[in-house]
Protein backbone atom coordinates (compact mmCIF):
# COMPACT_ATOMS: atom_id res chain seq x y z
CA UNK A 1 -30.26 32.20 16.85
CA UNK A 2 -31.61 31.44 20.23
CA UNK A 3 -29.55 31.15 23.37
CA UNK A 4 -29.95 27.41 23.47
CA UNK A 5 -28.97 27.11 19.84
CA UNK A 6 -25.93 29.36 20.43
CA UNK A 7 -24.88 27.23 23.40
CA UNK A 8 -25.21 24.01 21.24
CA UNK A 9 -23.18 25.72 18.54
CA UNK A 10 -20.42 26.71 20.98
CA UNK A 11 -20.28 23.21 22.34
CA UNK A 12 -19.95 21.76 18.85
CA UNK A 13 -23.23 19.81 19.21
CA UNK A 14 -24.53 18.89 15.77
CA UNK A 15 -27.47 16.93 14.32
CA UNK A 16 -26.80 13.28 13.77
CA UNK A 17 -28.31 10.83 11.34
CA UNK A 18 -29.93 7.50 12.15
CA UNK A 19 -26.54 5.79 12.37
CA UNK A 20 -25.33 8.20 15.10
CA UNK A 21 -22.80 9.86 12.80
CA UNK A 22 -22.77 13.65 12.64
CA UNK A 23 -24.79 15.04 9.76
CA UNK A 24 -21.78 17.16 8.86
CA UNK A 25 -18.66 15.13 8.01
CA UNK A 26 -15.17 15.81 6.68
CA UNK A 27 -13.99 13.70 3.78
CA UNK A 28 -10.45 12.62 3.05
CA UNK A 29 -8.55 10.22 0.92
CA UNK A 30 -5.92 7.72 2.04
CA UNK A 31 -4.56 5.78 -0.94
CA UNK A 32 -7.71 4.74 -2.81
CA UNK A 33 -9.87 4.59 0.29
CA UNK A 34 -12.29 7.44 1.05
CA UNK A 35 -13.14 8.30 4.68
CA UNK A 36 -15.66 10.40 6.45
CA UNK A 37 -15.29 11.76 9.98
CA UNK A 38 -17.96 13.58 11.97
CA UNK A 39 -16.97 17.26 12.34
CA UNK A 40 -17.87 17.06 16.10
CA UNK A 41 -14.83 14.83 16.53
CA UNK A 42 -12.49 17.30 14.95
CA UNK A 43 -11.19 20.24 16.97
CA UNK A 44 -9.29 21.85 14.14
CA UNK A 45 -7.89 21.22 10.71
CA UNK A 46 -4.46 22.66 10.23
CA UNK A 47 -1.79 22.87 7.56
CA UNK A 48 1.10 20.66 8.19
CA UNK A 49 3.72 22.41 10.40
CA UNK A 50 7.18 21.07 11.29
CA UNK A 51 6.78 17.66 12.89
CA UNK A 52 9.49 16.77 15.38
CA UNK A 53 10.23 13.05 15.27
CA UNK A 54 10.30 11.05 18.52
CA UNK A 55 12.80 8.18 18.63
CA UNK A 56 11.78 4.56 19.50
CA UNK A 57 8.18 5.07 18.43
CA UNK A 58 5.87 3.10 16.20
CA UNK A 59 6.26 3.80 12.40
CA UNK A 60 2.78 5.30 12.38
CA UNK A 61 3.69 7.86 15.04
CA UNK A 62 5.12 10.79 13.15
CA UNK A 63 6.12 12.91 16.09
CA UNK A 64 5.11 16.04 17.98
CA UNK A 65 3.94 19.43 16.77
CA UNK A 66 3.31 22.71 18.42
CA UNK A 67 -0.18 24.18 17.77
CA UNK A 68 -1.20 27.28 19.57
CA UNK A 69 1.38 26.70 22.27
CA UNK A 70 0.27 23.10 23.00
CA UNK A 71 2.09 19.94 22.05
CA UNK A 72 0.22 17.29 20.00
CA UNK A 73 1.22 13.73 19.13
CA UNK A 74 0.71 13.12 15.44
CA UNK A 75 -0.21 9.83 13.80
CA UNK A 76 0.01 8.94 10.11
CA UNK A 77 -3.53 7.76 9.75
CA UNK A 78 -2.81 5.74 6.59
CA UNK A 79 -0.04 3.80 8.20
CA UNK A 80 -2.05 3.31 11.40
CA UNK A 81 -5.10 1.95 9.60
CA UNK A 82 -3.49 -0.12 6.87
CA UNK A 83 0.30 -0.06 7.22
CA UNK A 84 0.63 1.77 3.93
CA UNK A 85 2.75 4.93 3.78
CA UNK A 86 1.79 7.67 1.37
CA UNK A 87 3.70 10.90 0.57
CA UNK A 88 2.30 14.10 2.00
CA UNK A 89 1.80 17.21 -0.16
CA UNK A 90 -0.02 20.40 -0.59
CA UNK A 91 -3.45 18.88 0.11
CA UNK A 92 -2.21 17.10 3.23
CA UNK A 93 -3.66 18.29 6.51
CA UNK A 94 -3.65 17.41 10.25
CA UNK A 95 -6.89 16.75 11.99
CA UNK A 96 -6.58 17.72 15.67
CA UNK A 97 -9.11 15.75 17.74
CA UNK A 98 -11.83 17.63 19.56
CA UNK A 99 -10.95 18.98 23.00
CA UNK A 100 -13.78 16.91 24.48
CA UNK A 101 -11.56 13.85 24.16
CA UNK A 102 -9.02 15.51 26.46
CA UNK A 103 -6.10 14.08 24.45
CA UNK A 104 -3.69 16.25 22.54
CA UNK A 105 -3.33 14.21 19.38
CA UNK A 106 -3.89 14.60 15.67
CA UNK A 107 -3.98 12.57 12.45
CA UNK A 108 -2.08 13.38 9.28
CA UNK A 109 -4.14 12.83 6.24
CA UNK A 110 -2.69 12.93 2.72
CA UNK A 111 -5.66 14.47 0.83
CA UNK A 112 -8.53 16.44 2.25
CA UNK A 113 -11.71 16.28 0.20
CA UNK A 114 -13.78 18.78 2.15
CA UNK A 115 -16.85 19.09 4.28
CA UNK A 116 -19.84 17.07 3.25
CA UNK A 117 -23.36 16.39 4.42
CA UNK A 118 -24.14 12.88 5.29
CA UNK A 119 -27.38 13.14 3.33
CA UNK A 120 -25.21 12.93 0.18
CA UNK A 121 -24.48 9.25 1.00
CA UNK A 122 -26.38 6.01 1.32
CA UNK A 123 -25.42 3.61 4.06
CA UNK A 124 -24.51 0.10 2.87
CA UNK A 125 -25.31 -3.00 4.75
CA UNK A 126 -22.21 -5.01 5.73
CA UNK A 127 -22.26 -8.63 4.64
CA UNK A 128 -20.01 -10.67 6.81
CA UNK A 129 -16.45 -9.72 7.69
CA UNK A 130 -15.15 -7.19 10.15
CA UNK A 131 -14.76 -3.45 9.71
CA UNK A 132 -11.30 -1.90 9.88
CA UNK A 133 -10.11 -0.17 13.03
CA UNK A 134 -12.44 2.65 13.96
CA UNK A 135 -14.73 2.19 10.96
CA UNK A 136 -18.26 2.26 12.03
CA UNK A 137 -20.24 2.31 8.78
CA UNK A 138 -19.77 1.98 5.03
CA UNK A 139 -21.39 4.46 2.67
CA UNK A 140 -21.80 4.93 -1.13
CA UNK A 141 -21.97 8.36 -2.76
CA UNK A 142 -24.09 9.34 -5.71
CA UNK A 143 -21.21 8.46 -8.05
CA UNK A 144 -21.06 4.98 -6.68
CA UNK A 145 -17.82 5.38 -4.72
CA UNK A 146 -17.41 3.70 -1.34
CA UNK A 147 -16.69 5.70 1.78
CA UNK A 148 -15.89 4.52 5.28
CA UNK A 149 -17.31 6.28 8.29
CA UNK A 150 -14.45 6.60 10.81
CA UNK A 151 -14.76 7.15 14.56
CA UNK A 152 -11.68 9.05 15.83
CA UNK A 153 -12.92 8.61 19.46
CA UNK A 154 -12.65 4.80 19.05
CA UNK A 155 -9.30 4.96 17.45
CA UNK A 156 -7.66 7.09 20.22
CA UNK A 157 -8.93 4.68 22.89
CA UNK A 158 -7.47 1.58 21.13
CA UNK A 159 -4.76 -0.13 23.20
CA UNK A 160 -2.53 -0.14 20.11
CA UNK A 161 -2.91 3.65 19.61
CA UNK A 162 -1.89 4.29 23.25
CA UNK A 163 1.21 2.15 22.93
CA UNK A 164 3.39 4.31 20.76
CA UNK A 165 6.78 3.02 21.99
CA UNK A 166 8.67 0.74 19.67
CA UNK A 167 11.73 0.31 21.86
CA UNK A 168 9.94 -1.64 24.60
CA UNK A 169 8.90 -4.26 21.98
CA UNK A 170 12.37 -4.73 20.55
CA UNK A 171 14.51 -4.05 23.60
CA UNK A 172 14.08 -7.63 24.97
CA UNK A 173 15.23 -9.16 21.76
CA UNK A 174 18.15 -6.78 21.36
CA UNK A 175 19.31 -7.33 24.93
CA UNK A 176 18.89 -11.09 24.61
CA UNK A 177 21.05 -11.19 21.42
CA UNK A 178 23.85 -9.31 23.29
CA UNK A 179 23.77 -11.79 26.06
CA UNK A 180 23.88 -14.81 23.72
C-alpha cells in the first residue's frame, strides 16, 4: 500500500458510486424496511451496552451510553424514522457516527445485516413522492428486495434530531392547566 493509499485508509476515505454513496455500505433491518448506510459515516459498530435513560426526552431518544470513556446520545432509529418501536435482541447493534461529524451520537438498530458492496444493488428511479428523513436513494437487490440508502449526516443535522427535549413541548400545556 502506498503512503497516499494508507493516508486515505486512515482517514476513512472510500470509493463512491455515481450517486455519491460509499461503495461499501452496512445493511440493517428496521421492521420490514432494509437500509444501507455508507461505512464512511459510521465510526464504530458496537454491541448494546447499558443505556441510561434521560428524563423529559423524545420517545426516540433512548438515553446515554459510555463507549471508550466518552458519552454518546443514542437514538432508536426505527422510532425516529417511522414512529414504530421494535424490540431489540441479540442482533441489535449501535452505530456510532463517524468522528468527522464531531457529534457523539449513535443509532440503535434492531437487526444488523452486514457489510455489502453497493455494486450488489441497482438504483431505482423515484416516481413522485418524497423520500423519508435522511433517505437519499432507493435500491433493489438481486432478489428483488427494496433497500433505502440512508445519510446519517443529514439525519444528525435535522432540527428535529437536535431537539431531544420533550419537557419543553409539554411544559406550557401542563403549567397552563394548573393555572386554569
